[in-house]
Amino acid sequence: MNEHEKINYIEFPARNIEAAKDFFSAVFDWSFVDFGPEYSAFSDAGIDGGFFKSELTVSTDNGSALIIFYSNDLEQTSSKIKNAGGSIIKPIFSFPGGRRFHFSDPNGNEYAVWSDLNA
C-alpha cells in the first residue's frame, strides 16, 4: 500500500548482490526479484526495497541511518546471522526498554536487532 508522504522503499549498497540475497533469504526469509545484474528488489521485509551494486557500505561510523530489526529471540537471531555469514559487530547489550546487538551482512552493511523480551 502506498501512503502519501510515508517511507515506502529503502535501498542498500552491495558489492555482491548474490551474497546479499543468500544472506537475507536464509536469516530473514526475504524474497527477491532481479532487475538486471546490478539491482535486486526485496519483499517480505516489513518494507520493500532493494540492493544496488556498489563498493560502498552503510555504517553508523559513517553517519548512516541504522536499520533495526525486531526479534522475539535475540540469541537465536544472532546465531542465524553468524551461520549465514554475517558478523556480530556489537554483542547483545541492554538499553532502557530492551536489549539489542549490531551485525554486518556479508557486504559489510551495518544493521541492528532489538527485543523488548527478557530485558
PDB file of N, CA and C in Angstrom:
ATOM      1  N   MET A   1       0.848  -1.169   0.000  1.00  0.00           N
ATOM      2  CA  MET A   1       0.000   0.000   0.000  1.00  0.00           C
ATOM      3  C   MET A   1       0.893   1.231   0.000  1.00  0.00           C
ATOM      4  N   ASN A   2       0.618   2.154  -0.895  1.00  0.00           N
ATOM      5  CA  ASN A   2       1.363   3.407  -0.971  1.00  0.00           C
ATOM      6  C   ASN A   2       0.634   4.459  -0.161  1.00  0.00           C
ATOM      7  N   GLU A   3       1.291   4.971   0.868  1.00  0.00           N
ATOM      8  CA  GLU A   3       0.700   6.010   1.700  1.00  0.00           C
ATOM      9  C   GLU A   3       1.424   7.312   1.442  1.00  0.00           C
ATOM     10  N   HIS A   4       0.646   8.362   1.247  1.00  0.00           N
ATOM     11  CA  HIS A   4       1.174   9.680   0.935  1.00  0.00           C
ATOM     12  C   HIS A   4       2.188  10.137   1.975  1.00  0.00           C
ATOM     13  N   GLU A   5       3.377  10.470   1.513  1.00  0.00           N
ATOM     14  CA  GLU A   5       4.456  11.058   2.306  1.00  0.00           C
ATOM     15  C   GLU A   5       4.935  10.188   3.466  1.00  0.00           C
ATOM     16  N   LYS A   6       4.841   8.875   3.303  1.00  0.00           N
ATOM     17  CA  LYS A   6       5.374   7.912   4.271  1.00  0.00           C
ATOM     18  C   LYS A   6       6.543   7.177   3.627  1.00  0.00           C
ATOM     19  N   ILE A   7       7.463   6.682   4.441  1.00  0.00           N
ATOM     20  CA  ILE A   7       8.570   5.906   3.883  1.00  0.00           C
ATOM     21  C   ILE A   7       7.988   4.695   3.172  1.00  0.00           C
ATOM     22  N   ASN A   8       8.421   4.499   1.930  1.00  0.00           N
ATOM     23  CA  ASN A   8       7.809   3.490   1.077  1.00  0.00           C
ATOM     24  C   ASN A   8       8.774   2.421   0.607  1.00  0.00           C
ATOM     25  N   TYR A   9      10.062   2.732   0.556  1.00  0.00           N
ATOM     26  CA  TYR A   9      11.021   1.832  -0.071  1.00  0.00           C
ATOM     27  C   TYR A   9      12.403   2.205   0.460  1.00  0.00           C
ATOM     28  N   ILE A  10      13.294   1.244   0.547  1.00  0.00           N
ATOM     29  CA  ILE A  10      14.639   1.514   1.046  1.00  0.00           C
ATOM     30  C   ILE A  10      15.637   0.731   0.206  1.00  0.00           C
ATOM     31  N   GLU A  11      16.788   1.327  -0.065  1.00  0.00           N
ATOM     32  CA  GLU A  11      17.797   0.663  -0.886  1.00  0.00           C
ATOM     33  C   GLU A  11      19.138   0.622  -0.153  1.00  0.00           C
ATOM     34  N   PHE A  12      19.868  -0.493  -0.356  1.00  0.00           N
ATOM     35  CA  PHE A  12      21.158  -0.710   0.278  1.00  0.00           C
ATOM     36  C   PHE A  12      22.219  -1.006  -0.780  1.00  0.00           C
ATOM     37  N   PRO A  13      23.446  -0.566  -0.532  1.00  0.00           N
ATOM     38  CA  PRO A  13      24.537  -0.929  -1.435  1.00  0.00           C
ATOM     39  C   PRO A  13      24.964  -2.372  -1.198  1.00  0.00           C
ATOM     40  N   ALA A  14      25.516  -2.995  -2.222  1.00  0.00           N
ATOM     41  CA  ALA A  14      26.027  -4.372  -2.087  1.00  0.00           C
ATOM     42  C   ALA A  14      27.142  -4.592  -3.101  1.00  0.00           C
ATOM     43  N   ARG A  15      28.307  -4.976  -2.610  1.00  0.00           N
ATOM     44  CA  ARG A  15      29.404  -5.357  -3.512  1.00  0.00           C
ATOM     45  C   ARG A  15      29.012  -6.610  -4.284  1.00  0.00           C
ATOM     46  N   ASN A  16      28.340  -7.532  -3.553  1.00  0.00           N
ATOM     47  CA  ASN A  16      27.965  -8.822  -4.117  1.00  0.00           C
ATOM     48  C   ASN A  16      26.465  -9.027  -3.858  1.00  0.00           C
ATOM     49  N   ILE A  17      25.665  -8.782  -4.858  1.00  0.00           N
ATOM     50  CA  ILE A  17      24.209  -8.857  -4.705  1.00  0.00           C
ATOM     51  C   ILE A  17      23.763 -10.288  -4.414  1.00  0.00           C
ATOM     52  N   GLU A  18      24.404 -11.277  -5.026  1.00  0.00           N
ATOM     53  CA  GLU A  18      24.036 -12.674  -4.760  1.00  0.00           C
ATOM     54  C   GLU A  18      24.275 -13.039  -3.298  1.00  0.00           C
ATOM     55  N   ALA A  19      25.374 -12.549  -2.721  1.00  0.00           N
ATOM     56  CA  ALA A  19      25.657 -12.811  -1.304  1.00  0.00           C
ATOM     57  C   ALA A  19      24.591 -12.164  -0.424  1.00  0.00           C
ATOM     58  N   ALA A  20      24.159 -10.955  -0.779  1.00  0.00           N
ATOM     59  CA  ALA A  20      23.096 -10.281  -0.019  1.00  0.00           C
ATOM     60  C   ALA A  20      21.803 -11.086  -0.095  1.00  0.00           C
ATOM     61  N   LYS A  21      21.459 -11.558  -1.276  1.00  0.00           N
ATOM     62  CA  LYS A  21      20.236 -12.348  -1.441  1.00  0.00           C
ATOM     63  C   LYS A  21      20.296 -13.636  -0.633  1.00  0.00           C
ATOM     64  N   ASP A  22      21.416 -14.330  -0.702  1.00  0.00           N
ATOM     65  CA  ASP A  22      21.566 -15.585   0.055  1.00  0.00           C
ATOM     66  C   ASP A  22      21.431 -15.329   1.556  1.00  0.00           C
ATOM     67  N   PHE A  23      22.101 -14.297   2.047  1.00  0.00           N
ATOM     68  CA  PHE A  23      22.094 -13.983   3.472  1.00  0.00           C
ATOM     69  C   PHE A  23      20.693 -13.621   3.961  1.00  0.00           C
ATOM     70  N   PHE A  24      20.047 -12.660   3.318  1.00  0.00           N
ATOM     71  CA  PHE A  24      18.746 -12.198   3.802  1.00  0.00           C
ATOM     72  C   PHE A  24      17.631 -13.220   3.567  1.00  0.00           C
ATOM     73  N   SER A  25      17.801 -14.083   2.588  1.00  0.00           N
ATOM     74  CA  SER A  25      16.857 -15.194   2.424  1.00  0.00           C
ATOM     75  C   SER A  25      17.000 -16.183   3.571  1.00  0.00           C
ATOM     76  N   ALA A  26      18.240 -16.525   3.911  1.00  0.00           N
ATOM     77  CA  ALA A  26      18.488 -17.520   4.953  1.00  0.00           C
ATOM     78  C   ALA A  26      18.099 -17.021   6.341  1.00  0.00           C
ATOM     79  N   VAL A  27      18.431 -15.771   6.643  1.00  0.00           N
ATOM     80  CA  VAL A  27      18.203 -15.266   8.005  1.00  0.00           C
ATOM     81  C   VAL A  27      16.786 -14.744   8.195  1.00  0.00           C
ATOM     82  N   PHE A  28      16.298 -13.939   7.255  1.00  0.00           N
ATOM     83  CA  PHE A  28      15.031 -13.230   7.447  1.00  0.00           C
ATOM     84  C   PHE A  28      13.916 -13.656   6.491  1.00  0.00           C
ATOM     85  N   ASP A  29      14.186 -14.640   5.623  1.00  0.00           N
ATOM     86  CA  ASP A  29      13.185 -15.192   4.703  1.00  0.00           C
ATOM     87  C   ASP A  29      12.658 -14.167   3.704  1.00  0.00           C
ATOM     88  N   TRP A  30      13.545 -13.284   3.242  1.00  0.00           N
ATOM     89  CA  TRP A  30      13.150 -12.301   2.233  1.00  0.00           C
ATOM     90  C   TRP A  30      13.044 -12.961   0.867  1.00  0.00           C
ATOM     91  N   SER A  31      12.227 -12.378  -0.001  1.00  0.00           N
ATOM     92  CA  SER A  31      12.094 -12.802  -1.392  1.00  0.00           C
ATOM     93  C   SER A  31      12.710 -11.732  -2.290  1.00  0.00           C
ATOM     94  N   PHE A  32      13.198 -12.146  -3.459  1.00  0.00           N
ATOM     95  CA  PHE A  32      13.902 -11.228  -4.359  1.00  0.00           C
ATOM     96  C   PHE A  32      13.405 -11.333  -5.785  1.00  0.00           C
ATOM     97  N   VAL A  33      13.476 -10.207  -6.502  1.00  0.00           N
ATOM     98  CA  VAL A  33      13.241 -10.149  -7.944  1.00  0.00           C
ATOM     99  C   VAL A  33      14.393  -9.339  -8.524  1.00  0.00           C
ATOM    100  N   ASP A  34      15.118  -9.940  -9.468  1.00  0.00           N
ATOM    101  CA  ASP A  34      16.258  -9.262 -10.083  1.00  0.00           C
ATOM    102  C   ASP A  34      15.798  -8.343 -11.200  1.00  0.00           C
ATOM    103  N   PHE A  35      16.466  -7.196 -11.295  1.00  0.00           N
ATOM    104  CA  PHE A  35      16.261  -6.230 -12.372  1.00  0.00           C
ATOM    105  C   PHE A  35      17.624  -5.955 -12.982  1.00  0.00           C
ATOM    106  N   GLY A  36      18.119  -6.911 -13.721  1.00  0.00           N
ATOM    107  CA  GLY A  36      19.449  -6.810 -14.303  1.00  0.00           C
ATOM    108  C   GLY A  36      20.509  -7.271 -13.319  1.00  0.00           C
ATOM    109  N   PRO A  37      21.772  -7.220 -13.741  1.00  0.00           N
ATOM    110  CA  PRO A  37      22.863  -7.736 -12.908  1.00  0.00           C
ATOM    111  C   PRO A  37      23.260  -6.814 -11.749  1.00  0.00           C
ATOM    112  N   GLU A  38      22.773  -5.579 -11.733  1.00  0.00           N
ATOM    113  CA  GLU A  38      23.221  -4.629 -10.723  1.00  0.00           C
ATOM    114  C   GLU A  38      22.111  -4.151  -9.793  1.00  0.00           C
ATOM    115  N   TYR A  39      20.972  -4.870  -9.783  1.00  0.00           N
ATOM    116  CA  TYR A  39      19.887  -4.474  -8.875  1.00  0.00           C
ATOM    117  C   TYR A  39      18.984  -5.672  -8.587  1.00  0.00           C
ATOM    118  N   SER A  40      18.624  -5.820  -7.315  1.00  0.00           N
ATOM    119  CA  SER A  40      17.660  -6.841  -6.927  1.00  0.00           C
ATOM    120  C   SER A  40      16.720  -6.248  -5.883  1.00  0.00           C
ATOM    121  N   ALA A  41      15.424  -6.355  -6.134  1.00  0.00           N
ATOM    122  CA  ALA A  41      14.411  -5.845  -5.210  1.00  0.00           C
ATOM    123  C   ALA A  41      14.047  -6.931  -4.214  1.00  0.00           C
ATOM    124  N   PHE A  42      13.765  -6.526  -2.970  1.00  0.00           N
ATOM    125  CA  PHE A  42      13.335  -7.494  -1.960  1.00  0.00           C
ATOM    126  C   PHE A  42      11.944  -7.166  -1.452  1.00  0.00           C
ATOM    127  N   SER A  43      11.284  -8.213  -0.939  1.00  0.00           N
ATOM    128  CA  SER A  43       9.981  -8.067  -0.290  1.00  0.00           C
ATOM    129  C   SER A  43       9.965  -9.007   0.914  1.00  0.00           C
ATOM    130  N   ASP A  44       8.884  -8.986   1.662  1.00  0.00           N
ATOM    131  CA  ASP A  44       8.725  -9.794   2.879  1.00  0.00           C
ATOM    132  C   ASP A  44       9.654  -9.328   4.001  1.00  0.00           C
ATOM    133  N   ALA A  45       9.963  -8.017   4.013  1.00  0.00           N
ATOM    134  CA  ALA A  45      10.903  -7.475   4.995  1.00  0.00           C
ATOM    135  C   ALA A  45      10.246  -6.471   5.939  1.00  0.00           C
ATOM    136  N   GLY A  46       8.963  -6.250   5.819  1.00  0.00           N
ATOM    137  CA  GLY A  46       8.301  -5.208   6.604  1.00  0.00           C
ATOM    138  C   GLY A  46       8.185  -3.928   5.802  1.00  0.00           C
ATOM    139  N   ILE A  47       9.144  -3.688   4.929  1.00  0.00           N
ATOM    140  CA  ILE A  47       9.132  -2.618   3.936  1.00  0.00           C
ATOM    141  C   ILE A  47       9.855  -3.170   2.716  1.00  0.00           C
ATOM    142  N   ASP A  48       9.389  -2.830   1.536  1.00  0.00           N
ATOM    143  CA  ASP A  48      10.051  -3.291   0.325  1.00  0.00           C
ATOM    144  C   ASP A  48      11.282  -2.434   0.063  1.00  0.00           C
ATOM    145  N   GLY A  49      12.207  -2.991  -0.704  1.00  0.00           N
ATOM    146  CA  GLY A  49      13.426  -2.264  -1.023  1.00  0.00           C
ATOM    147  C   GLY A  49      14.258  -3.027  -2.017  1.00  0.00           C
ATOM    148  N   GLY A  50      15.543  -2.687  -2.060  1.00  0.00           N
ATOM    149  CA  GLY A  50      16.417  -3.349  -2.998  1.00  0.00           C
ATOM    150  C   GLY A  50      17.876  -3.181  -2.649  1.00  0.00           C
ATOM    151  N   PHE A  51      18.701  -3.947  -3.364  1.00  0.00           N
ATOM    152  CA  PHE A  51      20.153  -3.862  -3.273  1.00  0.00           C
ATOM    153  C   PHE A  51      20.673  -3.415  -4.628  1.00  0.00           C
ATOM    154  N   PHE A  52      21.545  -2.410  -4.617  1.00  0.00           N
ATOM    155  CA  PHE A  52      22.164  -1.925  -5.839  1.00  0.00           C
ATOM    156  C   PHE A  52      23.669  -2.186  -5.771  1.00  0.00           C
ATOM    157  N   LYS A  53      24.273  -2.431  -6.921  1.00  0.00           N
ATOM    158  CA  LYS A  53      25.706  -2.723  -6.997  1.00  0.00           C
ATOM    159  C   LYS A  53      26.500  -1.493  -6.594  1.00  0.00           C
ATOM    160  N   SER A  54      27.368  -1.658  -5.572  1.00  0.00           N
ATOM    161  CA  SER A  54      28.196  -0.558  -5.093  1.00  0.00           C
ATOM    162  C   SER A  54      29.315  -1.109  -4.225  1.00  0.00           C
ATOM    163  N   GLU A  55      30.443  -0.449  -4.227  1.00  0.00           N
ATOM    164  CA  GLU A  55      31.551  -0.798  -3.348  1.00  0.00           C
ATOM    165  C   GLU A  55      31.404  -0.136  -1.976  1.00  0.00           C
ATOM    166  N   LEU A  56      30.436   0.753  -1.809  1.00  0.00           N
ATOM    167  CA  LEU A  56      30.223   1.458  -0.549  1.00  0.00           C
ATOM    168  C   LEU A  56      29.431   0.598   0.426  1.00  0.00           C
ATOM    169  N   THR A  57      29.454   0.973   1.712  1.00  0.00           N
ATOM    170  CA  THR A  57      28.673   0.279   2.741  1.00  0.00           C
ATOM    171  C   THR A  57      27.992   1.309   3.628  1.00  0.00           C
ATOM    172  N   VAL A  58      26.954   0.863   4.329  1.00  0.00           N
ATOM    173  CA  VAL A  58      26.296   1.712   5.319  1.00  0.00           C
ATOM    174  C   VAL A  58      26.785   1.308   6.702  1.00  0.00           C
ATOM    175  N   SER A  59      27.106   2.334   7.512  1.00  0.00           N
ATOM    176  CA  SER A  59      27.633   2.103   8.851  1.00  0.00           C
ATOM    177  C   SER A  59      27.349   3.330   9.705  1.00  0.00           C
ATOM    178  N   THR A  60      27.025   3.098  10.965  1.00  0.00           N
ATOM    179  CA  THR A  60      26.805   4.234  11.857  1.00  0.00           C
ATOM    180  C   THR A  60      28.096   5.022  12.044  1.00  0.00           C
ATOM    181  N   ASP A  61      29.251   4.376  11.906  1.00  0.00           N
ATOM    182  CA  ASP A  61      30.526   5.099  11.992  1.00  0.00           C
ATOM    183  C   ASP A  61      30.649   6.141  10.888  1.00  0.00           C
ATOM    184  N   ASN A  62      29.963   5.908   9.757  1.00  0.00           N
ATOM    185  CA  ASN A  62      29.975   6.851   8.637  1.00  0.00           C
ATOM    186  C   ASN A  62      28.791   7.815   8.680  1.00  0.00           C
ATOM    187  N   GLY A  63      27.975   7.716   9.727  1.00  0.00           N
ATOM    188  CA  GLY A  63      26.814   8.585   9.842  1.00  0.00           C
ATOM    189  C   GLY A  63      25.572   8.084   9.134  1.00  0.00           C
ATOM    190  N   SER A  64      25.574   6.834   8.715  1.00  0.00           N
ATOM    191  CA  SER A  64      24.415   6.262   8.026  1.00  0.00           C
ATOM    192  C   SER A  64      23.263   6.031   8.994  1.00  0.00           C
ATOM    193  N   ALA A  65      22.064   6.045   8.460  1.00  0.00           N
ATOM    194  CA  ALA A  65      20.899   5.630   9.235  1.00  0.00           C
ATOM    195  C   ALA A  65      21.067   4.156   9.597  1.00  0.00           C
ATOM    196  N   LEU A  66      20.512   3.754  10.735  1.00  0.00           N
ATOM    197  CA  LEU A  66      20.613   2.370  11.183  1.00  0.00           C
ATOM    198  C   LEU A  66      19.258   1.697  11.032  1.00  0.00           C
ATOM    199  N   ILE A  67      19.216   0.628  10.262  1.00  0.00           N
ATOM    200  CA  ILE A  67      18.014  -0.174  10.112  1.00  0.00           C
ATOM    201  C   ILE A  67      18.004  -1.185  11.252  1.00  0.00           C
ATOM    202  N   ILE A  68      16.889  -1.248  11.999  1.00  0.00           N
ATOM    203  CA  ILE A  68      16.804  -2.107  13.174  1.00  0.00           C
ATOM    204  C   ILE A  68      15.662  -3.099  13.006  1.00  0.00           C
ATOM    205  N   PHE A  69      15.991  -4.373  13.106  1.00  0.00           N
ATOM    206  CA  PHE A  69      15.021  -5.459  13.045  1.00  0.00           C
ATOM    207  C   PHE A  69      14.507  -5.750  14.453  1.00  0.00           C
ATOM    208  N   TYR A  70      13.341  -6.359  14.543  1.00  0.00           N
ATOM    209  CA  TYR A  70      12.809  -6.825  15.822  1.00  0.00           C
ATOM    210  C   TYR A  70      12.912  -8.344  15.857  1.00  0.00           C
ATOM    211  N   SER A  71      13.195  -8.906  17.044  1.00  0.00           N
ATOM    212  CA  SER A  71      13.255 -10.359  17.217  1.00  0.00           C
ATOM    213  C   SER A  71      12.602 -10.756  18.533  1.00  0.00           C
ATOM    214  N   ASN A  72      11.910 -11.881  18.520  1.00  0.00           N
ATOM    215  CA  ASN A  72      11.386 -12.469  19.747  1.00  0.00           C
ATOM    216  C   ASN A  72      12.462 -13.226  20.510  1.00  0.00           C
ATOM    217  N   ASP A  73      13.609 -13.514  19.858  1.00  0.00           N
ATOM    218  CA  ASP A  73      14.675 -14.300  20.464  1.00  0.00           C
ATOM    219  C   ASP A  73      16.016 -13.818  19.911  1.00  0.00           C
ATOM    220  N   LEU A  74      16.654 -12.881  20.614  1.00  0.00           N
ATOM    221  CA  LEU A  74      17.906 -12.293  20.131  1.00  0.00           C
ATOM    222  C   LEU A  74      18.998 -13.334  19.916  1.00  0.00           C
ATOM    223  N   GLU A  75      19.138 -14.251  20.850  1.00  0.00           N
ATOM    224  CA  GLU A  75      20.186 -15.261  20.731  1.00  0.00           C
ATOM    225  C   GLU A  75      19.996 -16.120  19.481  1.00  0.00           C
ATOM    226  N   GLN A  76      18.776 -16.517  19.212  1.00  0.00           N
ATOM    227  CA  GLN A  76      18.502 -17.325  18.023  1.00  0.00           C
ATOM    228  C   GLN A  76      18.785 -16.537  16.744  1.00  0.00           C
ATOM    229  N   THR A  77      18.340 -15.278  16.700  1.00  0.00           N
ATOM    230  CA  THR A  77      18.580 -14.454  15.514  1.00  0.00           C
ATOM    231  C   THR A  77      20.075 -14.219  15.331  1.00  0.00           C
ATOM    232  N   SER A  78      20.795 -13.991  16.414  1.00  0.00           N
ATOM    233  CA  SER A  78      22.246 -13.814  16.340  1.00  0.00           C
ATOM    234  C   SER A  78      22.916 -15.061  15.753  1.00  0.00           C
ATOM    235  N   SER A  79      22.490 -16.232  16.186  1.00  0.00           N
ATOM    236  CA  SER A  79      23.047 -17.485  15.653  1.00  0.00           C
ATOM    237  C   SER A  79      22.757 -17.636  14.166  1.00  0.00           C
ATOM    238  N   LYS A  80      21.548 -17.310  13.747  1.00  0.00           N
ATOM    239  CA  LYS A  80      21.191 -17.390  12.330  1.00  0.00           C
ATOM    240  C   LYS A  80      22.072 -16.465  11.500  1.00  0.00           C
ATOM    241  N   ILE A  81      22.316 -15.271  12.011  1.00  0.00           N
ATOM    242  CA  ILE A  81      23.155 -14.302  11.296  1.00  0.00           C
ATOM    243  C   ILE A  81      24.567 -14.849  11.125  1.00  0.00           C
ATOM    244  N   LYS A  82      25.148 -15.373  12.207  1.00  0.00           N
ATOM    245  CA  LYS A  82      26.512 -15.927  12.132  1.00  0.00           C
ATOM    246  C   LYS A  82      26.561 -17.133  11.202  1.00  0.00           C
ATOM    247  N   ASN A  83      25.570 -18.006  11.271  1.00  0.00           N
ATOM    248  CA  ASN A  83      25.536 -19.201  10.417  1.00  0.00           C
ATOM    249  C   ASN A  83      25.382 -18.869   8.941  1.00  0.00           C
ATOM    250  N   ALA A  84      24.790 -17.715   8.632  1.00  0.00           N
ATOM    251  CA  ALA A  84      24.573 -17.323   7.239  1.00  0.00           C
ATOM    252  C   ALA A  84      25.707 -16.456   6.692  1.00  0.00           C
ATOM    253  N   GLY A  85      26.752 -16.234   7.496  1.00  0.00           N
ATOM    254  CA  GLY A  85      27.908 -15.478   7.003  1.00  0.00           C
ATOM    255  C   GLY A  85      27.973 -14.036   7.446  1.00  0.00           C
ATOM    256  N   GLY A  86      27.079 -13.625   8.343  1.00  0.00           N
ATOM    257  CA  GLY A  86      27.144 -12.274   8.890  1.00  0.00           C
ATOM    258  C   GLY A  86      28.089 -12.223  10.068  1.00  0.00           C
ATOM    259  N   SER A  87      28.383 -11.020  10.546  1.00  0.00           N
ATOM    260  CA  SER A  87      29.283 -10.828  11.682  1.00  0.00           C
ATOM    261  C   SER A  87      28.601  -9.991  12.748  1.00  0.00           C
ATOM    262  N   ILE A  88      28.772 -10.385  13.993  1.00  0.00           N
ATOM    263  CA  ILE A  88      28.259  -9.587  15.110  1.00  0.00           C
ATOM    264  C   ILE A  88      29.305  -8.513  15.389  1.00  0.00           C
ATOM    265  N   ILE A  89      28.928  -7.252  15.268  1.00  0.00           N
ATOM    266  CA  ILE A  89      29.906  -6.175  15.459  1.00  0.00           C
ATOM    267  C   ILE A  89      29.725  -5.464  16.804  1.00  0.00           C
ATOM    268  N   LYS A  90      28.572  -5.622  17.436  1.00  0.00           N
ATOM    269  CA  LYS A  90      28.340  -5.182  18.814  1.00  0.00           C
ATOM    270  C   LYS A  90      27.496  -6.263  19.465  1.00  0.00           C
ATOM    271  N   PRO A  91      28.056  -7.011  20.427  1.00  0.00           N
ATOM    272  CA  PRO A  91      27.303  -8.088  21.064  1.00  0.00           C
ATOM    273  C   PRO A  91      26.067  -7.555  21.798  1.00  0.00           C
ATOM    274  N   ILE A  92      25.198  -8.456  22.186  1.00  0.00           N
ATOM    275  CA  ILE A  92      23.950  -8.089  22.865  1.00  0.00           C
ATOM    276  C   ILE A  92      24.247  -7.218  24.079  1.00  0.00           C
ATOM    277  N   PHE A  93      23.533  -6.105  24.155  1.00  0.00           N
ATOM    278  CA  PHE A  93      23.651  -5.195  25.287  1.00  0.00           C
ATOM    279  C   PHE A  93      22.264  -4.695  25.664  1.00  0.00           C
ATOM    280  N   SER A  94      22.124  -4.273  26.914  1.00  0.00           N
ATOM    281  CA  SER A  94      20.845  -3.749  27.404  1.00  0.00           C
ATOM    282  C   SER A  94      20.788  -2.242  27.206  1.00  0.00           C
ATOM    283  N   PHE A  95      19.582  -1.755  27.017  1.00  0.00           N
ATOM    284  CA  PHE A  95      19.315  -0.322  26.961  1.00  0.00           C
ATOM    285  C   PHE A  95      17.929  -0.124  27.557  1.00  0.00           C
ATOM    286  N   PRO A  96      17.560   1.084  27.942  1.00  0.00           N
ATOM    287  CA  PRO A  96      16.213   1.283  28.510  1.00  0.00           C
ATOM    288  C   PRO A  96      15.141   0.801  27.530  1.00  0.00           C
ATOM    289  N   GLY A  97      14.390  -0.193  27.931  1.00  0.00           N
ATOM    290  CA  GLY A  97      13.329  -0.725  27.071  1.00  0.00           C
ATOM    291  C   GLY A  97      13.639  -2.048  26.415  1.00  0.00           C
ATOM    292  N   GLY A  98      14.874  -2.537  26.534  1.00  0.00           N
ATOM    293  CA  GLY A  98      15.157  -3.815  25.908  1.00  0.00           C
ATOM    294  C   GLY A  98      16.627  -4.138  25.799  1.00  0.00           C
ATOM    295  N   ARG A  99      16.926  -5.003  24.818  1.00  0.00           N
ATOM    296  CA  ARG A  99      18.293  -5.406  24.508  1.00  0.00           C
ATOM    297  C   ARG A  99      18.449  -5.398  23.000  1.00  0.00           C
ATOM    298  N   ARG A 100      19.694  -5.270  22.533  1.00  0.00           N
ATOM    299  CA  ARG A 100      19.942  -5.335  21.094  1.00  0.00           C
ATOM    300  C   ARG A 100      21.382  -5.684  20.809  1.00  0.00           C
ATOM    301  N   PHE A 101      21.650  -5.977  19.530  1.00  0.00           N
ATOM    302  CA  PHE A 101      23.005  -6.173  19.038  1.00  0.00           C
ATOM    303  C   PHE A 101      23.085  -5.610  17.630  1.00  0.00           C
ATOM    304  N   HIS A 102      24.315  -5.351  17.182  1.00  0.00           N
ATOM    305  CA  HIS A 102      24.540  -4.871  15.817  1.00  0.00           C
ATOM    306  C   HIS A 102      25.274  -5.953  15.043  1.00  0.00           C
ATOM    307  N   PHE A 103      24.987  -6.029  13.745  1.00  0.00           N
ATOM    308  CA  PHE A 103      25.657  -7.004  12.897  1.00  0.00           C
ATOM    309  C   PHE A 103      25.934  -6.394  11.539  1.00  0.00           C
ATOM    310  N   SER A 104      26.826  -7.039  10.806  1.00  0.00           N
ATOM    311  CA  SER A 104      27.038  -6.656   9.412  1.00  0.00           C
ATOM    312  C   SER A 104      26.705  -7.850   8.537  1.00  0.00           C
ATOM    313  N   ASP A 105      26.165  -7.555   7.369  1.00  0.00           N
ATOM    314  CA  ASP A 105      25.871  -8.595   6.392  1.00  0.00           C
ATOM    315  C   ASP A 105      27.171  -8.942   5.657  1.00  0.00           C
ATOM    316  N   PRO A 106      27.154  -9.934   4.767  1.00  0.00           N
ATOM    317  CA  PRO A 106      28.396 -10.305   4.068  1.00  0.00           C
ATOM    318  C   PRO A 106      28.991  -9.172   3.221  1.00  0.00           C
ATOM    319  N   ASN A 107      28.220  -8.135   2.928  1.00  0.00           N
ATOM    320  CA  ASN A 107      28.730  -6.992   2.169  1.00  0.00           C
ATOM    321  C   ASN A 107      29.286  -5.892   3.063  1.00  0.00           C
ATOM    322  N   GLY A 108      29.191  -6.058   4.384  1.00  0.00           N
ATOM    323  CA  GLY A 108      29.740  -5.072   5.309  1.00  0.00           C
ATOM    324  C   GLY A 108      28.775  -3.996   5.758  1.00  0.00           C
ATOM    325  N   ASN A 109      27.495  -4.093   5.393  1.00  0.00           N
ATOM    326  CA  ASN A 109      26.499  -3.125   5.840  1.00  0.00           C
ATOM    327  C   ASN A 109      26.089  -3.412   7.280  1.00  0.00           C
ATOM    328  N   GLU A 110      25.946  -2.350   8.075  1.00  0.00           N
ATOM    329  CA  GLU A 110      25.590  -2.492   9.487  1.00  0.00           C
ATOM    330  C   GLU A 110      24.077  -2.406   9.694  1.00  0.00           C
ATOM    331  N   TYR A 111      23.558  -3.281  10.543  1.00  0.00           N
ATOM    332  CA  TYR A 111      22.155  -3.308  10.963  1.00  0.00           C
ATOM    333  C   TYR A 111      22.129  -3.615  12.454  1.00  0.00           C
ATOM    334  N   ALA A 112      20.963  -3.553  13.063  1.00  0.00           N
ATOM    335  CA  ALA A 112      20.808  -3.947  14.468  1.00  0.00           C
ATOM    336  C   ALA A 112      19.558  -4.793  14.601  1.00  0.00           C
ATOM    337  N   VAL A 113      19.491  -5.546  15.688  1.00  0.00           N
ATOM    338  CA  VAL A 113      18.311  -6.328  16.048  1.00  0.00           C
ATOM    339  C   VAL A 113      18.016  -6.042  17.515  1.00  0.00           C
ATOM    340  N   TRP A 114      16.744  -5.792  17.829  1.00  0.00           N
ATOM    341  CA  TRP A 114      16.383  -5.497  19.213  1.00  0.00           C
ATOM    342  C   TRP A 114      15.218  -6.354  19.655  1.00  0.00           C
ATOM    343  N   SER A 115      15.032  -6.434  20.971  1.00  0.00           N
ATOM    344  CA  SER A 115      13.890  -7.126  21.557  1.00  0.00           C
ATOM    345  C   SER A 115      13.536  -6.459  22.867  1.00  0.00           C
ATOM    346  N   ASP A 116      12.260  -6.462  23.159  1.00  0.00           N
ATOM    347  CA  ASP A 116      11.801  -5.972  24.461  1.00  0.00           C
ATOM    348  C   ASP A 116      11.511  -7.149  25.393  1.00  0.00           C
ATOM    349  N   LEU A 117      11.779  -8.378  24.920  1.00  0.00           N
ATOM    350  CA  LEU A 117      11.567  -9.577  25.729  1.00  0.00           C
ATOM    351  C   LEU A 117      12.843  -9.927  26.483  1.00  0.00           C
ATOM    352  N   ASN A 118      12.711 -10.423  27.687  1.00  0.00           N
ATOM    353  CA  ASN A 118      13.840 -10.811  28.530  1.00  0.00           C
ATOM    354  C   ASN A 118      14.828  -9.668  28.744  1.00  0.00           C
ATOM    355  N   ALA A 119      14.272  -8.462  28.852  1.00  0.00           N
ATOM    356  CA  ALA A 119      15.138  -7.289  29.022  1.00  0.00           C
ATOM    357  C   ALA A 119      15.720  -7.221  30.415  1.00  0.00           C
TER     358      ALA A 119
END
